[in-house]
Amino acid sequence: MMNQRERVLVKHAVTGRMLLSSAEGLTYAFSRDGELMRISIFGVPADKGQEVLTLKAELNVLRFEEPEGGPVVKHWYYVGDNPVDYDEASGCLTVTAQSEIEYRPDEYWD
């Protein structure tokens, strides 16, 4: 079986600025809720959580699957006006996305 790495990023859609990255030790979980995808990110510090809430109408969530020896697969989740919640006590940020676009950069940039 192929060893696979995965990363999740939360970025500001307008400026492209990185807000959160699972590479910083954050853990995450994805769950489908009908047509929506709920993304929970755990271990978010209060200042970062509040910053994400401030920019919640302008978020991009990206998931990178990075199989060892295989091409990267990117998933882009469009948040739009769906709920973004942050619980400071538990450090859990929950982002609800309405659509997902999957693409493989190797198919575009050979």
PDB file of N, CA and C in Angstrom:
ATOM      1  N   MET A   1       0.849  -1.191   0.000  1.00  0.00           N
ATOM      2  CA  MET A   1       0.000   0.000   0.000  1.00  0.00           C
ATOM      3  C   MET A   1       0.890   1.249   0.000  1.00  0.00           C
ATOM      4  N   MET A   2       0.469   2.239  -0.730  1.00  0.00           N
ATOM      5  CA  MET A   2       1.238   3.479  -0.841  1.00  0.00           C
ATOM      6  C   MET A   2       1.083   4.318   0.421  1.00  0.00           C
ATOM      7  N   ASN A   3       2.190   4.871   0.866  1.00  0.00           N
ATOM      8  CA  ASN A   3       2.153   5.784   2.003  1.00  0.00           C
ATOM      9  C   ASN A   3       1.663   7.142   1.504  1.00  0.00           C
ATOM     10  N   GLN A   4       0.713   7.716   2.197  1.00  0.00           N
ATOM     11  CA  GLN A   4       0.143   8.984   1.734  1.00  0.00           C
ATOM     12  C   GLN A   4       0.198  10.031   2.825  1.00  0.00           C
ATOM     13  N   ARG A   5       0.622  11.209   2.446  1.00  0.00           N
ATOM     14  CA  ARG A   5       0.589  12.356   3.346  1.00  0.00           C
ATOM     15  C   ARG A   5      -0.561  13.248   2.929  1.00  0.00           C
ATOM     16  N   GLU A   6      -1.010  14.033   3.862  1.00  0.00           N
ATOM     17  CA  GLU A   6      -2.125  14.936   3.568  1.00  0.00           C
ATOM     18  C   GLU A   6      -1.920  16.212   4.376  1.00  0.00           C
ATOM     19  N   ARG A   7      -2.301  17.337   3.786  1.00  0.00           N
ATOM     20  CA  ARG A   7      -2.233  18.627   4.480  1.00  0.00           C
ATOM     21  C   ARG A   7      -3.551  19.353   4.271  1.00  0.00           C
ATOM     22  N   VAL A   8      -3.939  20.145   5.257  1.00  0.00           N
ATOM     23  CA  VAL A   8      -5.114  21.003   5.137  1.00  0.00           C
ATOM     24  C   VAL A   8      -4.673  22.433   5.443  1.00  0.00           C
ATOM     25  N   LEU A   9      -5.096  23.366   4.574  1.00  0.00           N
ATOM     26  CA  LEU A   9      -4.770  24.779   4.728  1.00  0.00           C
ATOM     27  C   LEU A   9      -6.051  25.591   4.739  1.00  0.00           C
ATOM     28  N   VAL A  10      -6.079  26.647   5.524  1.00  0.00           N
ATOM     29  CA  VAL A  10      -7.154  27.646   5.465  1.00  0.00           C
ATOM     30  C   VAL A  10      -6.484  28.943   5.043  1.00  0.00           C
ATOM     31  N   LYS A  11      -6.973  29.509   3.930  1.00  0.00           N
ATOM     32  CA  LYS A  11      -6.357  30.722   3.385  1.00  0.00           C
ATOM     33  C   LYS A  11      -7.401  31.808   3.196  1.00  0.00           C
ATOM     34  N   HIS A  12      -6.930  33.051   3.201  1.00  0.00           N
ATOM     35  CA  HIS A  12      -7.780  34.186   2.880  1.00  0.00           C
ATOM     36  C   HIS A  12      -7.904  34.233   1.359  1.00  0.00           C
ATOM     37  N   ALA A  13      -9.128  34.121   0.851  1.00  0.00           N
ATOM     38  CA  ALA A  13      -9.337  34.004  -0.593  1.00  0.00           C
ATOM     39  C   ALA A  13      -8.868  35.233  -1.353  1.00  0.00           C
ATOM     40  N   VAL A  14      -8.995  36.403  -0.765  1.00  0.00           N
ATOM     41  CA  VAL A  14      -8.690  37.646  -1.475  1.00  0.00           C
ATOM     42  C   VAL A  14      -7.180  37.870  -1.590  1.00  0.00           C
ATOM     43  N   THR A  15      -6.458  37.690  -0.475  1.00  0.00           N
ATOM     44  CA  THR A  15      -5.022  37.976  -0.480  1.00  0.00           C
ATOM     45  C   THR A  15      -4.163  36.730  -0.667  1.00  0.00           C
ATOM     46  N   GLY A  16      -4.751  35.539  -0.460  1.00  0.00           N
ATOM     47  CA  GLY A  16      -3.987  34.302  -0.525  1.00  0.00           C
ATOM     48  C   GLY A  16      -3.175  34.036   0.727  1.00  0.00           C
ATOM     49  N   ARG A  17      -3.355  34.866   1.755  1.00  0.00           N
ATOM     50  CA  ARG A  17      -2.585  34.724   2.997  1.00  0.00           C
ATOM     51  C   ARG A  17      -2.981  33.458   3.751  1.00  0.00           C
ATOM     52  N   MET A  18      -1.973  32.725   4.219  1.00  0.00           N
ATOM     53  CA  MET A  18      -2.210  31.507   4.989  1.00  0.00           C
ATOM     54  C   MET A  18      -2.704  31.879   6.380  1.00  0.00           C
ATOM     55  N   LEU A  19      -3.834  31.294   6.780  1.00  0.00           N
ATOM     56  CA  LEU A  19      -4.369  31.527   8.117  1.00  0.00           C
ATOM     57  C   LEU A  19      -4.076  30.353   9.043  1.00  0.00           C
ATOM     58  N   LEU A  20      -4.282  29.135   8.544  1.00  0.00           N
ATOM     59  CA  LEU A  20      -4.036  27.926   9.324  1.00  0.00           C
ATOM     60  C   LEU A  20      -3.445  26.857   8.419  1.00  0.00           C
ATOM     61  N   SER A  21      -2.615  25.999   9.004  1.00  0.00           N
ATOM     62  CA  SER A  21      -2.055  24.875   8.261  1.00  0.00           C
ATOM     63  C   SER A  21      -1.928  23.686   9.196  1.00  0.00           C
ATOM     64  N   SER A  22      -2.333  22.514   8.717  1.00  0.00           N
ATOM     65  CA  SER A  22      -2.184  21.313   9.542  1.00  0.00           C
ATOM     66  C   SER A  22      -0.714  20.985   9.769  1.00  0.00           C
ATOM     67  N   ALA A  23       0.181  21.557   8.952  1.00  0.00           N
ATOM     68  CA  ALA A  23       1.625  21.356   9.149  1.00  0.00           C
ATOM     69  C   ALA A  23       2.100  21.991  10.451  1.00  0.00           C
ATOM     70  N   GLU A  24       1.277  22.860  11.047  1.00  0.00           N
ATOM     71  CA  GLU A  24       1.620  23.504  12.324  1.00  0.00           C
ATOM     72  C   GLU A  24       1.157  22.668  13.515  1.00  0.00           C
ATOM     73  N   GLY A  25       0.831  21.414  13.269  1.00  0.00           N
ATOM     74  CA  GLY A  25       0.449  20.516  14.354  1.00  0.00           C
ATOM     75  C   GLY A  25      -1.038  20.451  14.621  1.00  0.00           C
ATOM     76  N   LEU A  26      -1.850  21.096  13.791  1.00  0.00           N
ATOM     77  CA  LEU A  26      -3.302  21.044  13.962  1.00  0.00           C
ATOM     78  C   LEU A  26      -3.825  19.721  13.410  1.00  0.00           C
ATOM     79  N   THR A  27      -4.860  19.201  14.046  1.00  0.00           N
ATOM     80  CA  THR A  27      -5.511  18.000  13.522  1.00  0.00           C
ATOM     81  C   THR A  27      -6.857  18.403  12.947  1.00  0.00           C
ATOM     82  N   TYR A  28      -7.440  17.528  12.138  1.00  0.00           N
ATOM     83  CA  TYR A  28      -8.683  17.893  11.451  1.00  0.00           C
ATOM     84  C   TYR A  28      -9.506  16.657  11.141  1.00  0.00           C
ATOM     85  N   ALA A  29     -10.770  16.893  10.842  1.00  0.00           N
ATOM     86  CA  ALA A  29     -11.688  15.821  10.449  1.00  0.00           C
ATOM     87  C   ALA A  29     -12.673  16.387   9.436  1.00  0.00           C
ATOM     88  N   PHE A  30     -13.039  15.547   8.467  1.00  0.00           N
ATOM     89  CA  PHE A  30     -14.033  15.915   7.454  1.00  0.00           C
ATOM     90  C   PHE A  30     -15.271  15.061   7.664  1.00  0.00           C
ATOM     91  N   SER A  31     -16.449  15.671   7.570  1.00  0.00           N
ATOM     92  CA  SER A  31     -17.695  14.901   7.626  1.00  0.00           C
ATOM     93  C   SER A  31     -18.691  15.514   6.651  1.00  0.00           C
ATOM     94  N   ARG A  32     -19.376  14.641   5.915  1.00  0.00           N
ATOM     95  CA  ARG A  32     -20.352  15.110   4.935  1.00  0.00           C
ATOM     96  C   ARG A  32     -21.699  15.273   5.617  1.00  0.00           C
ATOM     97  N   ASP A  33     -22.389  16.360   5.287  1.00  0.00           N
ATOM     98  CA  ASP A  33     -23.712  16.637   5.834  1.00  0.00           C
ATOM     99  C   ASP A  33     -24.605  16.977   4.648  1.00  0.00           C
ATOM    100  N   GLY A  34     -25.186  15.957   4.027  1.00  0.00           N
ATOM    101  CA  GLY A  34     -25.971  16.173   2.806  1.00  0.00           C
ATOM    102  C   GLY A  34     -25.065  16.677   1.698  1.00  0.00           C
ATOM    103  N   GLU A  35     -25.366  17.854   1.167  1.00  0.00           N
ATOM    104  CA  GLU A  35     -24.562  18.455   0.105  1.00  0.00           C
ATOM    105  C   GLU A  35     -23.367  19.227   0.656  1.00  0.00           C
ATOM    106  N   LEU A  36     -23.334  19.405   1.966  1.00  0.00           N
ATOM    107  CA  LEU A  36     -22.289  20.220   2.586  1.00  0.00           C
ATOM    108  C   LEU A  36     -21.165  19.355   3.141  1.00  0.00           C
ATOM    109  N   MET A  37     -19.981  19.925   3.233  1.00  0.00           N
ATOM    110  CA  MET A  37     -18.843  19.271   3.868  1.00  0.00           C
ATOM    111  C   MET A  37     -18.486  20.075   5.104  1.00  0.00           C
ATOM    112  N   ARG A  38     -18.423  19.395   6.234  1.00  0.00           N
ATOM    113  CA  ARG A  38     -18.059  20.060   7.479  1.00  0.00           C
ATOM    114  C   ARG A  38     -16.607  19.704   7.793  1.00  0.00           C
ATOM    115  N   ILE A  39     -15.786  20.729   7.975  1.00  0.00           N
ATOM    116  CA  ILE A  39     -14.359  20.555   8.233  1.00  0.00           C
ATOM    117  C   ILE A  39     -14.082  21.077   9.633  1.00  0.00           C
ATOM    118  N   SER A  40     -13.669  20.182  10.517  1.00  0.00           N
ATOM    119  CA  SER A  40     -13.342  20.566  11.896  1.00  0.00           C
ATOM    120  C   SER A  40     -11.829  20.563  12.043  1.00  0.00           C
ATOM    121  N   ILE A  41     -11.296  21.654  12.569  1.00  0.00           N
ATOM    122  CA  ILE A  41      -9.856  21.785  12.784  1.00  0.00           C
ATOM    123  C   ILE A  41      -9.644  22.005  14.275  1.00  0.00           C
ATOM    124  N   PHE A  42      -8.799  21.158  14.856  1.00  0.00           N
ATOM    125  CA  PHE A  42      -8.608  21.133  16.310  1.00  0.00           C
ATOM    126  C   PHE A  42      -7.248  21.713  16.686  1.00  0.00           C
ATOM    127  N   GLY A  43      -7.194  22.365  17.847  1.00  0.00           N
ATOM    128  CA  GLY A  43      -5.944  22.919  18.344  1.00  0.00           C
ATOM    129  C   GLY A  43      -5.676  24.324  17.831  1.00  0.00           C
ATOM    130  N   VAL A  44      -6.733  25.031  17.414  1.00  0.00           N
ATOM    131  CA  VAL A  44      -6.581  26.386  16.858  1.00  0.00           C
ATOM    132  C   VAL A  44      -6.450  27.397  17.994  1.00  0.00           C
ATOM    133  N   PRO A  45      -5.350  28.154  18.041  1.00  0.00           N
ATOM    134  CA  PRO A  45      -5.196  29.168  19.087  1.00  0.00           C
ATOM    135  C   PRO A  45      -6.244  30.271  18.956  1.00  0.00           C
ATOM    136  N   ALA A  46      -6.554  30.918  20.066  1.00  0.00           N
ATOM    137  CA  ALA A  46      -7.624  31.923  20.098  1.00  0.00           C
ATOM    138  C   ALA A  46      -7.413  33.040  19.086  1.00  0.00           C
ATOM    139  N   ASP A  47      -6.166  33.552  18.960  1.00  0.00           N
ATOM    140  CA  ASP A  47      -5.953  34.668  18.038  1.00  0.00           C
ATOM    141  C   ASP A  47      -6.213  34.249  16.592  1.00  0.00           C
ATOM    142  N   LYS A  48      -5.792  33.020  16.237  1.00  0.00           N
ATOM    143  CA  LYS A  48      -6.020  32.522  14.871  1.00  0.00           C
ATOM    144  C   LYS A  48      -7.504  32.255  14.635  1.00  0.00           C
ATOM    145  N   GLY A  49      -8.168  31.696  15.631  1.00  0.00           N
ATOM    146  CA  GLY A  49      -9.598  31.414  15.501  1.00  0.00           C
ATOM    147  C   GLY A  49     -10.390  32.687  15.275  1.00  0.00           C
ATOM    148  N   GLN A  50     -10.066  33.735  16.043  1.00  0.00           N
ATOM    149  CA  GLN A  50     -10.769  35.009  15.893  1.00  0.00           C
ATOM    150  C   GLN A  50     -10.473  35.641  14.525  1.00  0.00           C
ATOM    151  N   GLU A  51      -9.235  35.500  14.048  1.00  0.00           N
ATOM    152  CA  GLU A  51      -8.875  36.052  12.742  1.00  0.00           C
ATOM    153  C   GLU A  51      -9.661  35.358  11.624  1.00  0.00           C
ATOM    154  N   VAL A  52      -9.788  34.041  11.728  1.00  0.00           N
ATOM    155  CA  VAL A  52     -10.561  33.298  10.725  1.00  0.00           C
ATOM    156  C   VAL A  52     -12.020  33.744  10.748  1.00  0.00           C
ATOM    157  N   LEU A  53     -12.577  33.921  11.942  1.00  0.00           N
ATOM    158  CA  LEU A  53     -13.974  34.376  12.038  1.00  0.00           C
ATOM    159  C   LEU A  53     -14.148  35.748  11.394  1.00  0.00           C
ATOM    160  N   THR A  54     -13.179  36.631  11.586  1.00  0.00           N
ATOM    161  CA  THR A  54     -13.248  37.968  11.003  1.00  0.00           C
ATOM    162  C   THR A  54     -13.302  37.903   9.476  1.00  0.00           C
ATOM    163  N   LEU A  55     -12.622  36.913   8.906  1.00  0.00           N
ATOM    164  CA  LEU A  55     -12.521  36.779   7.447  1.00  0.00           C
ATOM    165  C   LEU A  55     -13.422  35.673   6.892  1.00  0.00           C
ATOM    166  N   LYS A  56     -14.415  35.234   7.681  1.00  0.00           N
ATOM    167  CA  LYS A  56     -15.150  34.023   7.324  1.00  0.00           C
ATOM    168  C   LYS A  56     -15.887  34.082   5.982  1.00  0.00           C
ATOM    169  N   ALA A  57     -16.195  35.279   5.492  1.00  0.00           N
ATOM    170  CA  ALA A  57     -16.865  35.386   4.193  1.00  0.00           C
ATOM    171  C   ALA A  57     -15.872  35.251   3.034  1.00  0.00           C
ATOM    172  N   GLU A  58     -14.577  35.172   3.345  1.00  0.00           N
ATOM    173  CA  GLU A  58     -13.542  35.181   2.299  1.00  0.00           C
ATOM    174  C   GLU A  58     -12.527  34.073   2.519  1.00  0.00           C
ATOM    175  N   LEU A  59     -13.008  32.852   2.816  1.00  0.00           N
ATOM    176  CA  LEU A  59     -12.096  31.754   3.115  1.00  0.00           C
ATOM    177  C   LEU A  59     -12.020  30.743   1.986  1.00  0.00           C
ATOM    178  N   ASN A  60     -10.840  30.184   1.812  1.00  0.00           N
ATOM    179  CA  ASN A  60     -10.638  28.991   1.006  1.00  0.00           C
ATOM    180  C   ASN A  60     -10.058  27.924   1.917  1.00  0.00           C
ATOM    181  N   VAL A  61     -10.586  26.716   1.815  1.00  0.00           N
ATOM    182  CA  VAL A  61     -10.006  25.579   2.513  1.00  0.00           C
ATOM    183  C   VAL A  61      -9.463  24.645   1.447  1.00  0.00           C
ATOM    184  N   LEU A  62      -8.211  24.243   1.601  1.00  0.00           N
ATOM    185  CA  LEU A  62      -7.554  23.378   0.632  1.00  0.00           C
ATOM    186  C   LEU A  62      -7.055  22.128   1.337  1.00  0.00           C
ATOM    187  N   ARG A  63      -7.237  20.993   0.676  1.00  0.00           N
ATOM    188  CA  ARG A  63      -6.689  19.719   1.189  1.00  0.00           C
ATOM    189  C   ARG A  63      -5.802  19.143   0.100  1.00  0.00           C
ATOM    190  N   PHE A  64      -4.589  18.810   0.465  1.00  0.00           N
ATOM    191  CA  PHE A  64      -3.624  18.235  -0.470  1.00  0.00           C
ATOM    192  C   PHE A  64      -3.378  16.788  -0.085  1.00  0.00           C
ATOM    193  N   GLU A  65      -3.690  15.864  -0.987  1.00  0.00           N
ATOM    194  CA  GLU A  65      -3.296  14.470  -0.809  1.00  0.00           C
ATOM    195  C   GLU A  65      -1.956  14.319  -1.507  1.00  0.00           C
ATOM    196  N   GLU A  66      -0.981  13.786  -0.784  1.00  0.00           N
ATOM    197  CA  GLU A  66       0.376  13.697  -1.319  1.00  0.00           C
ATOM    198  C   GLU A  66       0.881  12.259  -1.229  1.00  0.00           C
ATOM    199  N   PRO A  67       0.423  11.399  -2.138  1.00  0.00           N
ATOM    200  CA  PRO A  67       0.869  10.005  -2.092  1.00  0.00           C
ATOM    201  C   PRO A  67       2.359   9.896  -2.413  1.00  0.00           C
ATOM    202  N   GLU A  68       3.039   9.024  -1.692  1.00  0.00           N
ATOM    203  CA  GLU A  68       4.465   8.823  -1.937  1.00  0.00           C
ATOM    204  C   GLU A  68       4.643   8.225  -3.330  1.00  0.00           C
ATOM    205  N   GLY A  69       5.394   8.914  -4.165  1.00  0.00           N
ATOM    206  CA  GLY A  69       5.650   8.417  -5.505  1.00  0.00           C
ATOM    207  C   GLY A  69       4.506   8.633  -6.481  1.00  0.00           C
ATOM    208  N   GLY A  70       3.456   9.328  -6.040  1.00  0.00           N
ATOM    209  CA  GLY A  70       2.318   9.572  -6.928  1.00  0.00           C
ATOM    210  C   GLY A  70       2.030  11.056  -7.029  1.00  0.00           C
ATOM    211  N   PRO A  71       1.128  11.421  -7.935  1.00  0.00           N
ATOM    212  CA  PRO A  71       0.809  12.836  -8.118  1.00  0.00           C
ATOM    213  C   PRO A  71      -0.033  13.399  -6.963  1.00  0.00           C
ATOM    214  N   VAL A  72       0.185  14.672  -6.699  1.00  0.00           N
ATOM    215  CA  VAL A  72      -0.592  15.376  -5.677  1.00  0.00           C
ATOM    216  C   VAL A  72      -2.025  15.568  -6.180  1.00  0.00           C
ATOM    217  N   VAL A  73      -2.989  15.372  -5.296  1.00  0.00           N
ATOM    218  CA  VAL A  73      -4.393  15.678  -5.610  1.00  0.00           C
ATOM    219  C   VAL A  73      -4.815  16.807  -4.679  1.00  0.00           C
ATOM    220  N   LYS A  74      -5.337  17.901  -5.262  1.00  0.00           N
ATOM    221  CA  LYS A  74      -5.788  19.049  -4.474  1.00  0.00           C
ATOM    222  C   LYS A  74      -7.312  19.064  -4.417  1.00  0.00           C
ATOM    223  N   HIS A  75      -7.835  19.404  -3.261  1.00  0.00           N
ATOM    224  CA  HIS A  75      -9.274  19.585  -3.073  1.00  0.00           C
ATOM    225  C   HIS A  75      -9.472  21.021  -2.594  1.00  0.00           C
ATOM    226  N   TRP A  76     -10.324  21.745  -3.293  1.00  0.00           N
ATOM    227  CA  TRP A  76     -10.626  23.123  -2.924  1.00  0.00           C
ATOM    228  C   TRP A  76     -12.070  23.158  -2.451  1.00  0.00           C
ATOM    229  N   TYR A  77     -12.299  23.683  -1.252  1.00  0.00           N
ATOM    230  CA  TYR A  77     -13.632  23.760  -0.661  1.00  0.00           C
ATOM    231  C   TYR A  77     -14.073  25.214  -0.626  1.00  0.00           C
ATOM    232  N   TYR A  78     -15.216  25.478  -1.230  1.00  0.00           N
ATOM    233  CA  TYR A  78     -15.763  26.827  -1.286  1.00  0.00           C
ATOM    234  C   TYR A  78     -16.693  27.039  -0.094  1.00  0.00           C
ATOM    235  N   VAL A  79     -16.375  28.011   0.741  1.00  0.00           N
ATOM    236  CA  VAL A  79     -17.119  28.249   1.969  1.00  0.00           C
ATOM    237  C   VAL A  79     -18.323  29.155   1.715  1.00  0.00           C
ATOM    238  N   GLY A  80     -18.107  30.250   0.978  1.00  0.00           N
ATOM    239  CA  GLY A  80     -19.210  31.176   0.683  1.00  0.00           C
ATOM    240  C   GLY A  80     -19.823  31.724   1.955  1.00  0.00           C
ATOM    241  N   ASP A  81     -21.148  31.727   2.016  1.00  0.00           N
ATOM    242  CA  ASP A  81     -21.818  32.291   3.199  1.00  0.00           C
ATOM    243  C   ASP A  81     -22.273  31.202   4.167  1.00  0.00           C
ATOM    244  N   ASN A  82     -21.650  30.044   4.100  1.00  0.00           N
ATOM    245  CA  ASN A  82     -21.959  28.963   5.035  1.00  0.00           C
ATOM    246  C   ASN A  82     -21.334  29.248   6.401  1.00  0.00           C
ATOM    247  N   PRO A  83     -21.814  28.545   7.436  1.00  0.00           N
ATOM    248  CA  PRO A  83     -21.342  28.835   8.794  1.00  0.00           C
ATOM    249  C   PRO A  83     -19.864  28.540   9.005  1.00  0.00           C
ATOM    250  N   VAL A  84     -19.226  29.407   9.762  1.00  0.00           N
ATOM    251  CA  VAL A  84     -17.879  29.195  10.279  1.00  0.00           C
ATOM    252  C   VAL A  84     -17.974  29.472  11.775  1.00  0.00           C
ATOM    253  N   ASP A  85     -17.630  28.477  12.577  1.00  0.00           N
ATOM    254  CA  ASP A  85     -17.757  28.606  14.030  1.00  0.00           C
ATOM    255  C   ASP A  85     -16.427  28.297  14.693  1.00  0.00           C
ATOM    256  N   TYR A  86     -16.157  29.019  15.772  1.00  0.00           N
ATOM    257  CA  TYR A  86     -14.943  28.760  16.541  1.00  0.00           C
ATOM    258  C   TYR A  86     -15.293  28.698  18.011  1.00  0.00           C
ATOM    259  N   ASP A  87     -14.885  27.611  18.661  1.00  0.00           N
ATOM    260  CA  ASP A  87     -15.096  27.452  20.094  1.00  0.00           C
ATOM    261  C   ASP A  87     -13.743  27.632  20.793  1.00  0.00           C
ATOM    262  N   GLU A  88     -13.583  28.787  21.417  1.00  0.00           N
ATOM    263  CA  GLU A  88     -12.296  29.138  22.015  1.00  0.00           C
ATOM    264  C   GLU A  88     -11.912  28.172  23.133  1.00  0.00           C
ATOM    265  N   ALA A  89     -12.908  27.692  23.890  1.00  0.00           N
ATOM    266  CA  ALA A  89     -12.619  26.799  25.021  1.00  0.00           C
ATOM    267  C   ALA A  89     -11.967  25.499  24.553  1.00  0.00           C
ATOM    268  N   SER A  90     -12.458  24.944  23.444  1.00  0.00           N
ATOM    269  CA  SER A  90     -11.919  23.670  22.956  1.00  0.00           C
ATOM    270  C   SER A  90     -10.888  23.855  21.847  1.00  0.00           C
ATOM    271  N   GLY A  91     -10.785  25.079  21.294  1.00  0.00           N
ATOM    272  CA  GLY A  91      -9.854  25.320  20.194  1.00  0.00           C
ATOM    273  C   GLY A  91     -10.296  24.689  18.887  1.00  0.00           C
ATOM    274  N   CYS A  92     -11.597  24.451  18.751  1.00  0.00           N
ATOM    275  CA  CYS A  92     -12.121  23.795  17.553  1.00  0.00           C
ATOM    276  C   CYS A  92     -12.753  24.817  16.606  1.00  0.00           C
ATOM    277  N   LEU A  93     -12.254  24.839  15.383  1.00  0.00           N
ATOM    278  CA  LEU A  93     -12.818  25.670  14.323  1.00  0.00           C
ATOM    279  C   LEU A  93     -13.592  24.755  13.391  1.00  0.00           C
ATOM    280  N   THR A  94     -14.849  25.096  13.118  1.00  0.00           N
ATOM    281  CA  THR A  94     -15.662  24.294  12.208  1.00  0.00           C
ATOM    282  C   THR A  94     -16.065  25.154  11.023  1.00  0.00           C
ATOM    283  N   VAL A  95     -15.677  24.699   9.840  1.00  0.00           N
ATOM    284  CA  VAL A  95     -15.963  25.407   8.593  1.00  0.00           C
ATOM    285  C   VAL A  95     -16.909  24.534   7.788  1.00  0.00           C
ATOM    286  N   THR A  96     -18.002  25.120   7.309  1.00  0.00           N
ATOM    287  CA  THR A  96     -18.945  24.389   6.469  1.00  0.00           C
ATOM    288  C   THR A  96     -18.792  24.881   5.035  1.00  0.00           C
ATOM    289  N   ALA A  97     -18.504  23.944   4.131  1.00  0.00           N
ATOM    290  CA  ALA A  97     -18.278  24.286   2.727  1.00  0.00           C
ATOM    291  C   ALA A  97     -19.400  23.717   1.872  1.00  0.00           C
ATOM    292  N   GLN A  98     -19.765  24.467   0.825  1.00  0.00           N
ATOM    293  CA  GLN A  98     -20.895  24.040   0.006  1.00  0.00           C
ATOM    294  C   GLN A  98     -20.473  23.294  -1.251  1.00  0.00           C
ATOM    295  N   SER A  99     -19.216  23.403  -1.632  1.00  0.00           N
ATOM    296  CA  SER A  99     -18.809  22.679  -2.828  1.00  0.00           C
ATOM    297  C   SER A  99     -17.344  22.316  -2.741  1.00  0.00           C
ATOM    298  N   GLU A 100     -16.971  21.304  -3.504  1.00  0.00           N
ATOM    299  CA  GLU A 100     -15.593  20.825  -3.534  1.00  0.00           C
ATOM    300  C   GLU A 100     -15.184  20.658  -4.983  1.00  0.00           C
ATOM    301  N   ILE A 101     -14.007  21.150  -5.302  1.00  0.00           N
ATOM    302  CA  ILE A 101     -13.427  20.936  -6.619  1.00  0.00           C
ATOM    303  C   ILE A 101     -12.141  20.152  -6.404  1.00  0.00           C
ATOM    304  N   GLU A 102     -12.024  19.026  -7.099  1.00  0.00           N
ATOM    305  CA  GLU A 102     -10.821  18.216  -6.992  1.00  0.00           C
ATOM    306  C   GLU A 102     -10.044  18.351  -8.290  1.00  0.00           C
ATOM    307  N   TYR A 103      -8.749  18.541  -8.178  1.00  0.00           N
ATOM    308  CA  TYR A 103      -7.939  18.594  -9.396  1.00  0.00           C
ATOM    309  C   TYR A 103      -6.543  18.089  -9.116  1.00  0.00           C
ATOM    310  N   ARG A 104      -5.903  17.633 -10.178  1.00  0.00           N
ATOM    311  CA  ARG A 104      -4.542  17.123 -10.085  1.00  0.00           C
ATOM    312  C   ARG A 104      -3.644  18.060 -10.883  1.00  0.00           C
ATOM    313  N   PRO A 105      -2.801  18.820 -10.167  1.00  0.00           N
ATOM    314  CA  PRO A 105      -1.940  19.778 -10.866  1.00  0.00           C
ATOM    315  C   PRO A 105      -1.087  19.142 -11.951  1.00  0.00           C
ATOM    316  N   ASP A 106      -0.700  17.874 -11.794  1.00  0.00           N
ATOM    317  CA  ASP A 106       0.153  17.241 -12.804  1.00  0.00           C
ATOM    318  C   ASP A 106      -0.570  17.107 -14.141  1.00  0.00           C
ATOM    319  N   GLU A 107      -1.899  17.152 -14.133  1.00  0.00           N
ATOM    320  CA  GLU A 107      -2.651  17.064 -15.380  1.00  0.00           C
ATOM    321  C   GLU A 107      -2.692  18.396 -16.124  1.00  0.00           C
ATOM    322  N   TYR A 108      -2.302  19.470 -15.438  1.00  0.00           N
ATOM    323  CA  TYR A 108      -2.333  20.802 -16.052  1.00  0.00           C
ATOM    324  C   TYR A 108      -0.960  21.340 -16.350  1.00  0.00           C
ATOM    325  N   TRP A 109       0.014  20.971 -15.512  1.00  0.00           N
ATOM    326  CA  TRP A 109       1.337  21.605 -15.616  1.00  0.00           C
ATOM    327  C   TRP A 109       2.435  20.600 -15.876  1.00  0.00           C
ATOM    328  N   ASP A 110       2.292  19.780 -16.868  1.00  0.00           N
ATOM    329  CA  ASP A 110       3.349  18.813 -17.207  1.00  0.00           C
ATOM    330  C   ASP A 110       4.509  19.491 -17.867  1.00  0.00           C
TER     331      ASP A 110
END
